[in-house]
Amino acid sequence: MKKNVLFFLSTMAGGGAERAVVEVLNNLDRKKFNPGLILLNKKGPYLADLNYDISIFEISGYGGYKNTLKFRKGMKNVISTYRPD
């Protein structure tokens, strides 16, 4: 049975962490893993480098009390839907 893996980044803007996540997600063994990615803002040059089969979730709205609640609700929805291992 495949395991669902889920990574979290703010954006896919240029940087070492973003490049590393692209490499890990693109090279996971698809026979063993279903890769997923949560982004606060779905933007940045590295988005184009991700393989087509990677599930991408965007959770916008962070900072401030009301936005924090929105963020928490969005994370909860993604996690309950995707059910990462």
PDB file of N, CA and C in Angstrom:
ATOM      1  N   MET A   1       0.841  -1.186   0.000  1.00  0.00           N
ATOM      2  CA  MET A   1       0.000   0.000   0.000  1.00  0.00           C
ATOM      3  C   MET A   1       0.887   1.251   0.000  1.00  0.00           C
ATOM      4  N   LYS A   2       0.548   2.206  -0.857  1.00  0.00           N
ATOM      5  CA  LYS A   2       1.332   3.431  -0.946  1.00  0.00           C
ATOM      6  C   LYS A   2       1.108   4.314   0.277  1.00  0.00           C
ATOM      7  N   LYS A   3       2.173   5.020   0.659  1.00  0.00           N
ATOM      8  CA  LYS A   3       2.084   5.963   1.768  1.00  0.00           C
ATOM      9  C   LYS A   3       1.939   7.374   1.203  1.00  0.00           C
ATOM     10  N   ASN A   4       1.047   8.142   1.814  1.00  0.00           N
ATOM     11  CA  ASN A   4       0.882   9.542   1.441  1.00  0.00           C
ATOM     12  C   ASN A   4       1.876  10.375   2.225  1.00  0.00           C
ATOM     13  N   VAL A   5       2.701  11.130   1.516  1.00  0.00           N
ATOM     14  CA  VAL A   5       3.648  12.044   2.166  1.00  0.00           C
ATOM     15  C   VAL A   5       3.265  13.463   1.789  1.00  0.00           C
ATOM     16  N   LEU A   6       3.380  14.358   2.756  1.00  0.00           N
ATOM     17  CA  LEU A   6       2.947  15.730   2.558  1.00  0.00           C
ATOM     18  C   LEU A   6       4.016  16.673   3.076  1.00  0.00           C
ATOM     19  N   PHE A   7       4.457  17.584   2.222  1.00  0.00           N
ATOM     20  CA  PHE A   7       5.445  18.591   2.579  1.00  0.00           C
ATOM     21  C   PHE A   7       4.744  19.941   2.702  1.00  0.00           C
ATOM     22  N   PHE A   8       5.359  20.850   3.458  1.00  0.00           N
ATOM     23  CA  PHE A   8       4.787  22.177   3.649  1.00  0.00           C
ATOM     24  C   PHE A   8       5.855  23.241   3.442  1.00  0.00           C
ATOM     25  N   LEU A   9       5.546  24.229   2.580  1.00  0.00           N
ATOM     26  CA  LEU A   9       6.408  25.388   2.343  1.00  0.00           C
ATOM     27  C   LEU A   9       5.515  26.612   2.186  1.00  0.00           C
ATOM     28  N   SER A  10       6.088  27.775   2.353  1.00  0.00           N
ATOM     29  CA  SER A  10       5.285  28.988   2.165  1.00  0.00           C
ATOM     30  C   SER A  10       5.024  29.244   0.680  1.00  0.00           C
ATOM     31  N   THR A  11       6.049  29.198  -0.149  1.00  0.00           N
ATOM     32  CA  THR A  11       5.922  29.375  -1.599  1.00  0.00           C
ATOM     33  C   THR A  11       6.983  28.512  -2.276  1.00  0.00           C
ATOM     34  N   MET A  12       6.998  28.570  -3.581  1.00  0.00           N
ATOM     35  CA  MET A  12       8.047  27.882  -4.341  1.00  0.00           C
ATOM     36  C   MET A  12       9.003  28.899  -4.941  1.00  0.00           C
ATOM     37  N   ALA A  13       9.171  30.014  -4.234  1.00  0.00           N
ATOM     38  CA  ALA A  13      10.126  31.043  -4.647  1.00  0.00           C
ATOM     39  C   ALA A  13      11.538  30.463  -4.558  1.00  0.00           C
ATOM     40  N   GLY A  14      12.446  31.079  -5.249  1.00  0.00           N
ATOM     41  CA  GLY A  14      13.813  30.574  -5.300  1.00  0.00           C
ATOM     42  C   GLY A  14      14.466  30.457  -3.942  1.00  0.00           C
ATOM     43  N   GLY A  15      15.116  29.358  -3.709  1.00  0.00           N
ATOM     44  CA  GLY A  15      15.836  29.130  -2.467  1.00  0.00           C
ATOM     45  C   GLY A  15      16.258  27.681  -2.360  1.00  0.00           C
ATOM     46  N   GLY A  16      17.146  27.420  -1.423  1.00  0.00           N
ATOM     47  CA  GLY A  16      17.673  26.064  -1.259  1.00  0.00           C
ATOM     48  C   GLY A  16      16.644  25.061  -0.778  1.00  0.00           C
ATOM     49  N   ALA A  17      15.792  25.457   0.166  1.00  0.00           N
ATOM     50  CA  ALA A  17      14.776  24.536   0.689  1.00  0.00           C
ATOM     51  C   ALA A  17      13.777  24.157  -0.399  1.00  0.00           C
ATOM     52  N   GLU A  18      13.372  25.130  -1.182  1.00  0.00           N
ATOM     53  CA  GLU A  18      12.415  24.876  -2.247  1.00  0.00           C
ATOM     54  C   GLU A  18      13.003  23.937  -3.295  1.00  0.00           C
ATOM     55  N   ARG A  19      14.247  24.186  -3.661  1.00  0.00           N
ATOM     56  CA  ARG A  19      14.916  23.319  -4.641  1.00  0.00           C
ATOM     57  C   ARG A  19      15.041  21.893  -4.102  1.00  0.00           C
ATOM     58  N   ALA A  20      15.375  21.759  -2.824  1.00  0.00           N
ATOM     59  CA  ALA A  20      15.505  20.433  -2.209  1.00  0.00           C
ATOM     60  C   ALA A  20      14.167  19.705  -2.184  1.00  0.00           C
ATOM     61  N   VAL A  21      13.098  20.409  -1.857  1.00  0.00           N
ATOM     62  CA  VAL A  21      11.770  19.786  -1.824  1.00  0.00           C
ATOM     63  C   VAL A  21      11.361  19.332  -3.221  1.00  0.00           C
ATOM     64  N   VAL A  22      11.654  20.127  -4.237  1.00  0.00           N
ATOM     65  CA  VAL A  22      11.366  19.728  -5.615  1.00  0.00           C
ATOM     66  C   VAL A  22      12.081  18.425  -5.940  1.00  0.00           C
ATOM     67  N   GLU A  23      13.341  18.335  -5.592  1.00  0.00           N
ATOM     68  CA  GLU A  23      14.123  17.124  -5.883  1.00  0.00           C
ATOM     69  C   GLU A  23      13.560  15.906  -5.147  1.00  0.00           C
ATOM     70  N   VAL A  24      13.232  16.084  -3.878  1.00  0.00           N
ATOM     71  CA  VAL A  24      12.691  14.959  -3.096  1.00  0.00           C
ATOM     72  C   VAL A  24      11.342  14.523  -3.665  1.00  0.00           C
ATOM     73  N   LEU A  25      10.423  15.470  -3.867  1.00  0.00           N
ATOM     74  CA  LEU A  25       9.098  15.112  -4.378  1.00  0.00           C
ATOM     75  C   LEU A  25       9.157  14.470  -5.755  1.00  0.00           C
ATOM     76  N   ASN A  26       9.961  15.013  -6.637  1.00  0.00           N
ATOM     77  CA  ASN A  26      10.055  14.464  -7.992  1.00  0.00           C
ATOM     78  C   ASN A  26      10.690  13.079  -8.029  1.00  0.00           C
ATOM     79  N   ASN A  27      11.525  12.766  -7.053  1.00  0.00           N
ATOM     80  CA  ASN A  27      12.261  11.501  -7.095  1.00  0.00           C
ATOM     81  C   ASN A  27      11.760  10.441  -6.129  1.00  0.00           C
ATOM     82  N   LEU A  28      10.665  10.701  -5.437  1.00  0.00           N
ATOM     83  CA  LEU A  28      10.089   9.656  -4.590  1.00  0.00           C
ATOM     84  C   LEU A  28       9.598   8.509  -5.465  1.00  0.00           C
ATOM     85  N   ASP A  29       9.776   7.305  -4.981  1.00  0.00           N
ATOM     86  CA  ASP A  29       9.329   6.118  -5.701  1.00  0.00           C
ATOM     87  C   ASP A  29       7.801   6.093  -5.723  1.00  0.00           C
ATOM     88  N   ARG A  30       7.206   6.257  -6.901  1.00  0.00           N
ATOM     89  CA  ARG A  30       5.751   6.325  -7.025  1.00  0.00           C
ATOM     90  C   ARG A  30       5.067   4.989  -6.739  1.00  0.00           C
ATOM     91  N   LYS A  31       5.831   3.915  -6.717  1.00  0.00           N
ATOM     92  CA  LYS A  31       5.249   2.622  -6.343  1.00  0.00           C
ATOM     93  C   LYS A  31       5.035   2.537  -4.838  1.00  0.00           C
ATOM     94  N   LYS A  32       5.734   3.388  -4.078  1.00  0.00           N
ATOM     95  CA  LYS A  32       5.652   3.365  -2.619  1.00  0.00           C
ATOM     96  C   LYS A  32       4.992   4.604  -2.030  1.00  0.00           C
ATOM     97  N   PHE A  33       5.040   5.747  -2.743  1.00  0.00           N
ATOM     98  CA  PHE A  33       4.598   7.015  -2.162  1.00  0.00           C
ATOM     99  C   PHE A  33       3.700   7.820  -3.094  1.00  0.00           C
ATOM    100  N   ASN A  34       2.737   8.518  -2.497  1.00  0.00           N
ATOM    101  CA  ASN A  34       1.928   9.536  -3.163  1.00  0.00           C
ATOM    102  C   ASN A  34       2.387  10.880  -2.613  1.00  0.00           C
ATOM    103  N   PRO A  35       3.106  11.683  -3.393  1.00  0.00           N
ATOM    104  CA  PRO A  35       3.628  12.948  -2.872  1.00  0.00           C
ATOM    105  C   PRO A  35       2.598  14.077  -2.911  1.00  0.00           C
ATOM    106  N   GLY A  36       2.641  14.915  -1.875  1.00  0.00           N
ATOM    107  CA  GLY A  36       1.774  16.079  -1.801  1.00  0.00           C
ATOM    108  C   GLY A  36       2.538  17.269  -1.248  1.00  0.00           C
ATOM    109  N   LEU A  37       2.033  18.466  -1.529  1.00  0.00           N
ATOM    110  CA  LEU A  37       2.695  19.691  -1.116  1.00  0.00           C
ATOM    111  C   LEU A  37       1.651  20.729  -0.727  1.00  0.00           C
ATOM    112  N   ILE A  38       1.811  21.313   0.465  1.00  0.00           N
ATOM    113  CA  ILE A  38       0.972  22.416   0.910  1.00  0.00           C
ATOM    114  C   ILE A  38       1.784  23.697   0.764  1.00  0.00           C
ATOM    115  N   LEU A  39       1.166  24.711   0.152  1.00  0.00           N
ATOM    116  CA  LEU A  39       1.800  26.018  -0.006  1.00  0.00           C
ATOM    117  C   LEU A  39       0.892  27.096   0.571  1.00  0.00           C
ATOM    118  N   LEU A  40       1.487  28.110   1.177  1.00  0.00           N
ATOM    119  CA  LEU A  40       0.702  29.257   1.620  1.00  0.00           C
ATOM    120  C   LEU A  40       0.283  30.102   0.426  1.00  0.00           C
ATOM    121  N   ASN A  41       1.167  30.241  -0.522  1.00  0.00           N
ATOM    122  CA  ASN A  41       0.888  30.958  -1.767  1.00  0.00           C
ATOM    123  C   ASN A  41       1.447  30.146  -2.914  1.00  0.00           C
ATOM    124  N   LYS A  42       0.577  29.757  -3.821  1.00  0.00           N
ATOM    125  CA  LYS A  42       0.984  28.926  -4.952  1.00  0.00           C
ATOM    126  C   LYS A  42       1.640  29.801  -6.018  1.00  0.00           C
ATOM    127  N   LYS A  43       2.900  30.138  -5.756  1.00  0.00           N
ATOM    128  CA  LYS A  43       3.652  30.958  -6.706  1.00  0.00           C
ATOM    129  C   LYS A  43       5.134  30.655  -6.550  1.00  0.00           C
ATOM    130  N   GLY A  44       5.886  31.046  -7.553  1.00  0.00           N
ATOM    131  CA  GLY A  44       7.326  30.865  -7.529  1.00  0.00           C
ATOM    132  C   GLY A  44       7.810  30.071  -8.722  1.00  0.00           C
ATOM    133  N   PRO A  45       9.059  30.288  -9.106  1.00  0.00           N
ATOM    134  CA  PRO A  45       9.605  29.648 -10.304  1.00  0.00           C
ATOM    135  C   PRO A  45       9.741  28.124 -10.195  1.00  0.00           C
ATOM    136  N   TYR A  46       9.841  27.600  -8.990  1.00  0.00           N
ATOM    137  CA  TYR A  46      10.029  26.158  -8.857  1.00  0.00           C
ATOM    138  C   TYR A  46       8.744  25.356  -9.042  1.00  0.00           C
ATOM    139  N   LEU A  47       7.591  26.020  -9.099  1.00  0.00           N
ATOM    140  CA  LEU A  47       6.337  25.295  -9.372  1.00  0.00           C
ATOM    141  C   LEU A  47       6.420  24.551 -10.697  1.00  0.00           C
ATOM    142  N   ALA A  48       7.021  25.188 -11.678  1.00  0.00           N
ATOM    143  CA  ALA A  48       7.128  24.585 -13.007  1.00  0.00           C
ATOM    144  C   ALA A  48       8.021  23.346 -13.014  1.00  0.00           C
ATOM    145  N   ASP A  49       8.867  23.195 -12.007  1.00  0.00           N
ATOM    146  CA  ASP A  49       9.779  22.056 -11.948  1.00  0.00           C
ATOM    147  C   ASP A  49       9.161  20.821 -11.305  1.00  0.00           C
ATOM    148  N   LEU A  50       7.993  20.970 -10.692  1.00  0.00           N
ATOM    149  CA  LEU A  50       7.345  19.831 -10.027  1.00  0.00           C
ATOM    150  C   LEU A  50       6.703  18.910 -11.054  1.00  0.00           C
ATOM    151  N   ASN A  51       6.784  17.610 -10.820  1.00  0.00           N
ATOM    152  CA  ASN A  51       6.126  16.640 -11.689  1.00  0.00           C
ATOM    153  C   ASN A  51       4.618  16.841 -11.646  1.00  0.00           C
ATOM    154  N   TYR A  52       3.954  16.459 -12.722  1.00  0.00           N
ATOM    155  CA  TYR A  52       2.509  16.651 -12.867  1.00  0.00           C
ATOM    156  C   TYR A  52       1.685  15.864 -11.850  1.00  0.00           C
ATOM    157  N   ASP A  53       2.220  14.781 -11.315  1.00  0.00           N
ATOM    158  CA  ASP A  53       1.437  13.905 -10.441  1.00  0.00           C
ATOM    159  C   ASP A  53       1.511  14.278  -8.959  1.00  0.00           C
ATOM    160  N   ILE A  54       2.092  15.399  -8.633  1.00  0.00           N
ATOM    161  CA  ILE A  54       2.202  15.836  -7.242  1.00  0.00           C
ATOM    162  C   ILE A  54       0.962  16.652  -6.883  1.00  0.00           C
ATOM    163  N   SER A  55       0.280  16.253  -5.823  1.00  0.00           N
ATOM    164  CA  SER A  55      -0.897  16.989  -5.356  1.00  0.00           C
ATOM    165  C   SER A  55      -0.436  18.266  -4.670  1.00  0.00           C
ATOM    166  N   ILE A  56      -0.943  19.404  -5.132  1.00  0.00           N
ATOM    167  CA  ILE A  56      -0.561  20.693  -4.563  1.00  0.00           C
ATOM    168  C   ILE A  56      -1.802  21.342  -3.956  1.00  0.00           C
ATOM    169  N   PHE A  57      -1.674  21.753  -2.691  1.00  0.00           N
ATOM    170  CA  PHE A  57      -2.762  22.403  -1.966  1.00  0.00           C
ATOM    171  C   PHE A  57      -2.304  23.811  -1.581  1.00  0.00           C
ATOM    172  N   GLU A  58      -3.173  24.792  -1.770  1.00  0.00           N
ATOM    173  CA  GLU A  58      -2.836  26.158  -1.390  1.00  0.00           C
ATOM    174  C   GLU A  58      -3.710  26.582  -0.213  1.00  0.00           C
ATOM    175  N   ILE A  59      -3.056  27.117   0.812  1.00  0.00           N
ATOM    176  CA  ILE A  59      -3.763  27.665   1.971  1.00  0.00           C
ATOM    177  C   ILE A  59      -3.317  29.111   2.100  1.00  0.00           C
ATOM    178  N   SER A  60      -4.140  30.022   1.628  1.00  0.00           N
ATOM    179  CA  SER A  60      -3.776  31.432   1.728  1.00  0.00           C
ATOM    180  C   SER A  60      -4.373  32.016   2.995  1.00  0.00           C
ATOM    181  N   GLY A  61      -3.852  33.134   3.401  1.00  0.00           N
ATOM    182  CA  GLY A  61      -4.369  33.808   4.591  1.00  0.00           C
ATOM    183  C   GLY A  61      -3.619  33.391   5.840  1.00  0.00           C
ATOM    184  N   TYR A  62      -2.628  34.138   6.194  1.00  0.00           N
ATOM    185  CA  TYR A  62      -1.892  33.886   7.422  1.00  0.00           C
ATOM    186  C   TYR A  62      -1.466  35.219   7.998  1.00  0.00           C
ATOM    187  N   GLY A  63      -1.235  35.270   9.259  1.00  0.00           N
ATOM    188  CA  GLY A  63      -0.895  36.512   9.938  1.00  0.00           C
ATOM    189  C   GLY A  63      -2.153  37.138  10.502  1.00  0.00           C
ATOM    190  N   GLY A  64      -2.114  37.521  11.735  1.00  0.00           N
ATOM    191  CA  GLY A  64      -3.297  38.085  12.376  1.00  0.00           C
ATOM    192  C   GLY A  64      -4.189  36.988  12.923  1.00  0.00           C
ATOM    193  N   TYR A  65      -5.034  37.342  13.859  1.00  0.00           N
ATOM    194  CA  TYR A  65      -5.868  36.357  14.559  1.00  0.00           C
ATOM    195  C   TYR A  65      -6.850  35.659  13.615  1.00  0.00           C
ATOM    196  N   LYS A  66      -7.623  36.424  12.846  1.00  0.00           N
ATOM    197  CA  LYS A  66      -8.622  35.819  11.965  1.00  0.00           C
ATOM    198  C   LYS A  66      -7.967  34.964  10.896  1.00  0.00           C
ATOM    199  N   ASN A  67      -6.866  35.425  10.362  1.00  0.00           N
ATOM    200  CA  ASN A  67      -6.176  34.654   9.335  1.00  0.00           C
ATOM    201  C   ASN A  67      -5.542  33.394   9.906  1.00  0.00           C
ATOM    202  N   THR A  68      -5.120  33.439  11.157  1.00  0.00           N
ATOM    203  CA  THR A  68      -4.574  32.249  11.799  1.00  0.00           C
ATOM    204  C   THR A  68      -5.641  31.172  11.901  1.00  0.00           C
ATOM    205  N   LEU A  69      -6.850  31.565  12.248  1.00  0.00           N
ATOM    206  CA  LEU A  69      -7.947  30.598  12.318  1.00  0.00           C
ATOM    207  C   LEU A  69      -8.251  30.021  10.937  1.00  0.00           C
ATOM    208  N   LYS A  70      -8.204  30.866   9.914  1.00  0.00           N
ATOM    209  CA  LYS A  70      -8.420  30.410   8.537  1.00  0.00           C
ATOM    210  C   LYS A  70      -7.324  29.429   8.124  1.00  0.00           C
ATOM    211  N   PHE A  71      -6.094  29.743   8.489  1.00  0.00           N
ATOM    212  CA  PHE A  71      -4.969  28.869   8.176  1.00  0.00           C
ATOM    213  C   PHE A  71      -5.139  27.505   8.849  1.00  0.00           C
ATOM    214  N   ARG A  72      -5.476  27.518  10.126  1.00  0.00           N
ATOM    215  CA  ARG A  72      -5.656  26.261  10.863  1.00  0.00           C
ATOM    216  C   ARG A  72      -6.763  25.416  10.250  1.00  0.00           C
ATOM    217  N   LYS A  73      -7.864  26.057   9.881  1.00  0.00           N
ATOM    218  CA  LYS A  73      -8.968  25.336   9.254  1.00  0.00           C
ATOM    219  C   LYS A  73      -8.528  24.746   7.915  1.00  0.00           C
ATOM    220  N   GLY A  74      -7.784  25.529   7.122  1.00  0.00           N
ATOM    221  CA  GLY A  74      -7.292  25.035   5.844  1.00  0.00           C
ATOM    222  C   GLY A  74      -6.358  23.848   5.997  1.00  0.00           C
ATOM    223  N   MET A  75      -5.442  23.941   6.964  1.00  0.00           N
ATOM    224  CA  MET A  75      -4.529  22.818   7.226  1.00  0.00           C
ATOM    225  C   MET A  75      -5.307  21.573   7.648  1.00  0.00           C
ATOM    226  N   LYS A  76      -6.264  21.771   8.523  1.00  0.00           N
ATOM    227  CA  LYS A  76      -7.076  20.642   8.996  1.00  0.00           C
ATOM    228  C   LYS A  76      -7.807  19.979   7.828  1.00  0.00           C
ATOM    229  N   ASN A  77      -8.351  20.793   6.930  1.00  0.00           N
ATOM    230  CA  ASN A  77      -9.066  20.245   5.773  1.00  0.00           C
ATOM    231  C   ASN A  77      -8.144  19.448   4.862  1.00  0.00           C
ATOM    232  N   VAL A  78      -6.972  19.987   4.587  1.00  0.00           N
ATOM    233  CA  VAL A  78      -6.029  19.281   3.716  1.00  0.00           C
ATOM    234  C   VAL A  78      -5.584  17.971   4.358  1.00  0.00           C
ATOM    235  N   ILE A  79      -5.242  18.020   5.619  1.00  0.00           N
ATOM    236  CA  ILE A  79      -4.747  16.827   6.306  1.00  0.00           C
ATOM    237  C   ILE A  79      -5.846  15.765   6.401  1.00  0.00           C
ATOM    238  N   SER A  80      -7.064  16.167   6.695  1.00  0.00           N
ATOM    239  CA  SER A  80      -8.146  15.177   6.809  1.00  0.00           C
ATOM    240  C   SER A  80      -8.523  14.602   5.450  1.00  0.00           C
ATOM    241  N   THR A  81      -8.355  15.390   4.387  1.00  0.00           N
ATOM    242  CA  THR A  81      -8.653  14.895   3.041  1.00  0.00           C
ATOM    243  C   THR A  81      -7.532  14.030   2.494  1.00  0.00           C
ATOM    244  N   TYR A  82      -6.306  14.505   2.596  1.00  0.00           N
ATOM    245  CA  TYR A  82      -5.139  13.811   2.022  1.00  0.00           C
ATOM    246  C   TYR A  82      -4.686  12.638   2.886  1.00  0.00           C
ATOM    247  N   ARG A  83      -4.865  12.762   4.184  1.00  0.00           N
ATOM    248  CA  ARG A  83      -4.518  11.730   5.157  1.00  0.00           C
ATOM    249  C   ARG A  83      -3.063  11.242   5.019  1.00  0.00           C
ATOM    250  N   PRO A  84      -2.112  12.150   5.270  1.00  0.00           N
ATOM    251  CA  PRO A  84      -0.701  11.742   5.148  1.00  0.00           C
ATOM    252  C   PRO A  84      -0.291  10.726   6.198  1.00  0.00           C
ATOM    253  N   ASP A  85       0.644   9.870   5.819  1.00  0.00           N
ATOM    254  CA  ASP A  85       1.190   8.883   6.749  1.00  0.00           C
ATOM    255  C   ASP A  85       2.359   9.496   7.482  1.00  0.00           C
TER     256      ASP A  85
END
